[in-house]
């Protein structure tokens, strides 16, 4: 019985080697192996037309939902300088602000976009991401922003920041 088994395993191993070779050659004859598609090129960041340093400081803040209320809201924001919102510089060059619905101060980035647009939002997201605010206008004294996400914008409205006078 031992001789038959050894012949059987010898015959089996003799046939296994060519069979494995055929299988491997069949795989190789399938043509070139598909390569993973290269990741799409990431568009280079567009520099923001507004630098982080330009918006740091003390600001009065108010918001409106109707465009007709803008002038009144700007006056209300000026009156908020008694309790200003402080936008500070972040540790890596961004600005320290709050995201919508968050009580955590975070470093946000000034992000440029096509059409000379500027957004403020998390660095990990592209310009115009849902959590971003678009800077609608900025003249150094008044900054108007609106949230990109329509639902968030519907709740918070258009924000008017008025730069507070330096402390006496």
C-alpha atoms as a PDB file:
ATOM      1  CA  UNK A   1       0.000   0.000   0.000  1.00  0.00           C
ATOM      2  CA  UNK A   2       2.891   2.389   0.828  1.00  0.00           C
ATOM      3  CA  UNK A   3       4.362   1.958  -2.658  1.00  0.00           C
ATOM      4  CA  UNK A   4       1.049   2.729  -4.353  1.00  0.00           C
ATOM      5  CA  UNK A   5       0.572   5.896  -2.292  1.00  0.00           C
ATOM      6  CA  UNK A   6       4.080   7.122  -3.046  1.00  0.00           C
ATOM      7  CA  UNK A   7       3.487   6.487  -6.785  1.00  0.00           C
ATOM      8  CA  UNK A   8       0.131   8.268  -6.521  1.00  0.00           C
ATOM      9  CA  UNK A   9       1.682  11.336  -4.826  1.00  0.00           C
ATOM     10  CA  UNK A  10       4.611  11.259  -7.255  1.00  0.00           C
ATOM     11  CA  UNK A  11       2.212  11.183 -10.221  1.00  0.00           C
ATOM     12  CA  UNK A  12       0.086  13.898  -8.630  1.00  0.00           C
ATOM     13  CA  UNK A  13       3.081  16.191  -8.071  1.00  0.00           C
ATOM     14  CA  UNK A  14       4.336  15.490 -11.604  1.00  0.00           C
ATOM     15  CA  UNK A  15       0.992  16.624 -13.013  1.00  0.00           C
ATOM     16  CA  UNK A  16       0.575  19.556 -10.599  1.00  0.00           C
ATOM     17  CA  UNK A  17       3.654  21.435 -11.781  1.00  0.00           C
ATOM     18  CA  UNK A  18       2.595  21.657 -15.466  1.00  0.00           C
ATOM     19  CA  UNK A  19      -1.006  22.425 -14.453  1.00  0.00           C
ATOM     20  CA  UNK A  20       0.153  25.317 -12.273  1.00  0.00           C
ATOM     21  CA  UNK A  21       2.298  26.568 -15.144  1.00  0.00           C
ATOM     22  CA  UNK A  22      -0.688  26.462 -17.498  1.00  0.00           C
ATOM     23  CA  UNK A  23      -2.836  28.371 -15.018  1.00  0.00           C
ATOM     24  CA  UNK A  24      -0.180  31.020 -14.561  1.00  0.00           C
ATOM     25  CA  UNK A  25       0.384  31.384 -18.300  1.00  0.00           C
ATOM     26  CA  UNK A  26      -3.373  31.714 -18.810  1.00  0.00           C
ATOM     27  CA  UNK A  27      -3.412  34.570 -16.373  1.00  0.00           C
ATOM     28  CA  UNK A  28      -0.467  36.207 -18.080  1.00  0.00           C
ATOM     29  CA  UNK A  29      -2.045  35.833 -21.537  1.00  0.00           C
ATOM     30  CA  UNK A  30      -5.098  37.832 -20.545  1.00  0.00           C
ATOM     31  CA  UNK A  31      -3.341  40.964 -21.731  1.00  0.00           C
ATOM     32  CA  UNK A  32      -1.885  43.725 -19.697  1.00  0.00           C
ATOM     33  CA  UNK A  33      -3.070  43.824 -16.143  1.00  0.00           C
ATOM     34  CA  UNK A  34      -5.300  46.791 -15.537  1.00  0.00           C
ATOM     35  CA  UNK A  35      -3.671  49.426 -13.439  1.00  0.00           C
ATOM     36  CA  UNK A  36      -5.531  51.517 -10.953  1.00  0.00           C
ATOM     37  CA  UNK A  37      -6.818  54.696 -12.519  1.00  0.00           C
ATOM     38  CA  UNK A  38      -4.684  57.565 -11.477  1.00  0.00           C
ATOM     39  CA  UNK A  39      -6.299  59.925  -9.038  1.00  0.00           C
ATOM     40  CA  UNK A  40      -7.618  63.062 -10.674  1.00  0.00           C
ATOM     41  CA  UNK A  41      -5.229  65.935 -10.398  1.00  0.00           C
ATOM     42  CA  UNK A  42      -6.146  68.199  -7.526  1.00  0.00           C
ATOM     43  CA  UNK A  43      -6.605  71.747  -8.676  1.00  0.00           C
ATOM     44  CA  UNK A  44      -4.087  74.055  -7.071  1.00  0.00           C
ATOM     45  CA  UNK A  45      -5.441  76.272  -4.334  1.00  0.00           C
ATOM     46  CA  UNK A  46      -6.485  79.686  -5.523  1.00  0.00           C
ATOM     47  CA  UNK A  47      -5.133  82.333  -3.183  1.00  0.00           C
ATOM     48  CA  UNK A  48      -7.767  84.319  -1.340  1.00  0.00           C
ATOM     49  CA  UNK A  49      -8.055  87.980  -2.266  1.00  0.00           C
ATOM     50  CA  UNK A  50      -8.494  88.668   1.472  1.00  0.00           C
ATOM     51  CA  UNK A  51      -5.677  87.735   3.849  1.00  0.00           C
ATOM     52  CA  UNK A  52      -6.408  86.315   7.307  1.00  0.00           C
ATOM     53  CA  UNK A  53      -4.627  89.279   8.918  1.00  0.00           C
ATOM     54  CA  UNK A  54      -7.122  91.651   7.310  1.00  0.00           C
ATOM     55  CA  UNK A  55     -10.120  90.210   9.150  1.00  0.00           C
ATOM     56  CA  UNK A  56      -8.568  89.677  12.567  1.00  0.00           C
ATOM     57  CA  UNK A  57      -9.741  92.023  15.268  1.00  0.00           C
ATOM     58  CA  UNK A  58     -12.851  93.029  17.159  1.00  0.00           C
ATOM     59  CA  UNK A  59     -16.153  93.100  15.275  1.00  0.00           C
ATOM     60  CA  UNK A  60     -19.751  94.000  16.002  1.00  0.00           C
ATOM     61  CA  UNK A  61     -21.983  91.308  14.497  1.00  0.00           C
ATOM     62  CA  UNK A  62     -25.624  91.244  13.426  1.00  0.00           C
ATOM     63  CA  UNK A  63     -27.561  89.387  10.716  1.00  0.00           C
ATOM     64  CA  UNK A  64     -30.480  89.922   8.358  1.00  0.00           C
ATOM     65  CA  UNK A  65     -32.730  87.756   6.202  1.00  0.00           C
ATOM     66  CA  UNK A  66     -34.144  90.436   3.866  1.00  0.00           C
ATOM     67  CA  UNK A  67     -31.834  92.584   1.744  1.00  0.00           C
ATOM     68  CA  UNK A  68     -33.896  95.664   2.699  1.00  0.00           C
ATOM     69  CA  UNK A  69     -32.672  95.230   6.291  1.00  0.00           C
ATOM     70  CA  UNK A  70     -28.981  95.582   5.470  1.00  0.00           C
ATOM     71  CA  UNK A  71     -28.564  99.259   6.495  1.00  0.00           C
ATOM     72  CA  UNK A  72     -30.452  98.747   9.771  1.00  0.00           C
ATOM     73  CA  UNK A  73     -28.439  95.580  10.451  1.00  0.00           C
ATOM     74  CA  UNK A  74     -25.141  97.389   9.874  1.00  0.00           C
ATOM     75  CA  UNK A  75     -26.159  99.952  12.532  1.00  0.00           C
ATOM     76  CA  UNK A  76     -27.142  97.114  14.882  1.00  0.00           C
ATOM     77  CA  UNK A  77     -23.758  95.439  14.310  1.00  0.00           C
ATOM     78  CA  UNK A  78     -21.965  98.706  15.132  1.00  0.00           C
ATOM     79  CA  UNK A  79     -23.867  98.800  18.437  1.00  0.00           C
ATOM     80  CA  UNK A  80     -22.631  95.275  19.236  1.00  0.00           C
ATOM     81  CA  UNK A  81     -19.077  96.559  19.683  1.00  0.00           C
ATOM     82  CA  UNK A  82     -19.920  96.725  23.392  1.00  0.00           C
ATOM     83  CA  UNK A  83     -19.715  92.918  23.236  1.00  0.00           C
ATOM     84  CA  UNK A  84     -17.522  92.300  20.183  1.00  0.00           C
ATOM     85  CA  UNK A  85     -16.853  89.100  18.346  1.00  0.00           C
ATOM     86  CA  UNK A  86     -13.088  88.610  18.285  1.00  0.00           C
ATOM     87  CA  UNK A  87     -11.531  87.033  15.206  1.00  0.00           C
ATOM     88  CA  UNK A  88      -7.987  86.033  16.075  1.00  0.00           C
ATOM     89  CA  UNK A  89      -5.110  84.539  14.127  1.00  0.00           C
ATOM     90  CA  UNK A  90      -4.875  80.769  14.224  1.00  0.00           C
ATOM     91  CA  UNK A  91      -1.674  78.899  15.058  1.00  0.00           C
ATOM     92  CA  UNK A  92      -1.073  77.910  11.412  1.00  0.00           C
ATOM     93  CA  UNK A  93      -2.096  81.102   9.623  1.00  0.00           C
ATOM     94  CA  UNK A  94      -5.876  80.776   9.542  1.00  0.00           C
ATOM     95  CA  UNK A  95      -8.472  82.664  11.556  1.00  0.00           C
ATOM     96  CA  UNK A  96     -10.130  81.540  14.771  1.00  0.00           C
ATOM     97  CA  UNK A  97     -13.908  81.484  14.302  1.00  0.00           C
ATOM     98  CA  UNK A  98     -16.927  79.319  15.051  1.00  0.00           C
ATOM     99  CA  UNK A  99     -18.580  77.054  12.500  1.00  0.00           C
ATOM    100  CA  UNK A 100     -22.372  77.070  12.299  1.00  0.00           C
ATOM    101  CA  UNK A 101     -24.029  75.237  15.203  1.00  0.00           C
ATOM    102  CA  UNK A 102     -20.713  74.815  17.017  1.00  0.00           C
ATOM    103  CA  UNK A 103     -19.567  76.223  20.329  1.00  0.00           C
ATOM    104  CA  UNK A 104     -15.973  75.246  19.593  1.00  0.00           C
ATOM    105  CA  UNK A 105     -13.582  77.913  18.365  1.00  0.00           C
ATOM    106  CA  UNK A 106     -11.738  76.468  15.335  1.00  0.00           C
ATOM    107  CA  UNK A 107      -9.058  77.559  12.947  1.00  0.00           C
ATOM    108  CA  UNK A 108     -10.613  78.270   9.569  1.00  0.00           C
ATOM    109  CA  UNK A 109      -8.917  79.166   6.299  1.00  0.00           C
ATOM    110  CA  UNK A 110      -9.363  81.979   3.854  1.00  0.00           C
ATOM    111  CA  UNK A 111      -9.973  80.173   0.550  1.00  0.00           C
ATOM    112  CA  UNK A 112      -9.986  81.721  -2.892  1.00  0.00           C
ATOM    113  CA  UNK A 113     -12.224  80.476  -5.678  1.00  0.00           C
ATOM    114  CA  UNK A 114     -12.884  81.144  -9.334  1.00  0.00           C
ATOM    115  CA  UNK A 115     -14.527  84.454 -10.094  1.00  0.00           C
ATOM    116  CA  UNK A 116     -12.455  86.284  -7.466  1.00  0.00           C
ATOM    117  CA  UNK A 117     -14.616  84.803  -4.688  1.00  0.00           C
ATOM    118  CA  UNK A 118     -13.461  84.272  -1.097  1.00  0.00           C
ATOM    119  CA  UNK A 119     -14.667  81.683   1.397  1.00  0.00           C
ATOM    120  CA  UNK A 120     -13.932  81.099   5.082  1.00  0.00           C
ATOM    121  CA  UNK A 121     -14.080  77.484   6.224  1.00  0.00           C
ATOM    122  CA  UNK A 122     -12.309  74.290   7.277  1.00  0.00           C
ATOM    123  CA  UNK A 123      -8.970  73.752   5.534  1.00  0.00           C
ATOM    124  CA  UNK A 124      -9.757  70.116   4.739  1.00  0.00           C
ATOM    125  CA  UNK A 125     -12.621  71.087   2.428  1.00  0.00           C
ATOM    126  CA  UNK A 126     -12.447  72.825  -0.952  1.00  0.00           C
ATOM    127  CA  UNK A 127     -13.617  76.411  -1.339  1.00  0.00           C
ATOM    128  CA  UNK A 128     -17.397  76.625  -1.406  1.00  0.00           C
ATOM    129  CA  UNK A 129     -17.990  73.522   0.747  1.00  0.00           C
ATOM    130  CA  UNK A 130     -21.285  73.426   2.688  1.00  0.00           C
ATOM    131  CA  UNK A 131     -19.776  74.590   6.005  1.00  0.00           C
ATOM    132  CA  UNK A 132     -18.032  77.551   4.378  1.00  0.00           C
ATOM    133  CA  UNK A 133     -19.134  81.173   4.503  1.00  0.00           C
ATOM    134  CA  UNK A 134     -18.711  83.240   1.390  1.00  0.00           C
ATOM    135  CA  UNK A 135     -17.395  86.744   1.899  1.00  0.00           C
ATOM    136  CA  UNK A 136     -19.956  88.699  -0.120  1.00  0.00           C
ATOM    137  CA  UNK A 137     -18.248  92.038   0.438  1.00  0.00           C
ATOM    138  CA  UNK A 138     -15.325  93.415   2.408  1.00  0.00           C
ATOM    139  CA  UNK A 139     -13.957  96.942   2.503  1.00  0.00           C
ATOM    140  CA  UNK A 140     -11.764  96.678   5.607  1.00  0.00           C
ATOM    141  CA  UNK A 141     -14.425  98.255   7.813  1.00  0.00           C
ATOM    142  CA  UNK A 142     -17.513  96.162   6.990  1.00  0.00           C
ATOM    143  CA  UNK A 143     -17.518  92.465   6.063  1.00  0.00           C
ATOM    144  CA  UNK A 144     -20.662  90.704   4.860  1.00  0.00           C
ATOM    145  CA  UNK A 145     -20.767  86.907   4.783  1.00  0.00           C
ATOM    146  CA  UNK A 146     -23.339  84.258   4.016  1.00  0.00           C
ATOM    147  CA  UNK A 147     -23.269  80.501   4.605  1.00  0.00           C
ATOM    148  CA  UNK A 148     -22.974  78.346   1.499  1.00  0.00           C
ATOM    149  CA  UNK A 149     -25.405  75.686   2.763  1.00  0.00           C
ATOM    150  CA  UNK A 150     -28.943  76.986   2.064  1.00  0.00           C
ATOM    151  CA  UNK A 151     -30.368  75.393   5.202  1.00  0.00           C
ATOM    152  CA  UNK A 152     -27.734  77.002   7.439  1.00  0.00           C
ATOM    153  CA  UNK A 153     -28.127  80.312   5.603  1.00  0.00           C
ATOM    154  CA  UNK A 154     -31.883  80.101   6.154  1.00  0.00           C
ATOM    155  CA  UNK A 155     -31.342  79.868   9.909  1.00  0.00           C
ATOM    156  CA  UNK A 156     -28.516  82.372  10.348  1.00  0.00           C
ATOM    157  CA  UNK A 157     -29.144  84.807   7.505  1.00  0.00           C
ATOM    158  CA  UNK A 158     -26.534  87.124   6.046  1.00  0.00           C
ATOM    159  CA  UNK A 159     -23.962  88.231   8.626  1.00  0.00           C
ATOM    160  CA  UNK A 160     -22.747  91.810   8.856  1.00  0.00           C
ATOM    161  CA  UNK A 161     -19.468  92.396  10.694  1.00  0.00           C
ATOM    162  CA  UNK A 162     -18.563  96.015  11.505  1.00  0.00           C
ATOM    163  CA  UNK A 163     -15.030  96.655  12.711  1.00  0.00           C
ATOM    164  CA  UNK A 164     -14.982  98.061  16.224  1.00  0.00           C
ATOM    165  CA  UNK A 165     -12.887 101.132  17.003  1.00  0.00           C
ATOM    166  CA  UNK A 166      -9.615 100.393  18.800  1.00  0.00           C
ATOM    167  CA  UNK A 167      -9.920 100.331  22.560  1.00  0.00           C
ATOM    168  CA  UNK A 168      -9.197 103.682  24.187  1.00  0.00           C
END
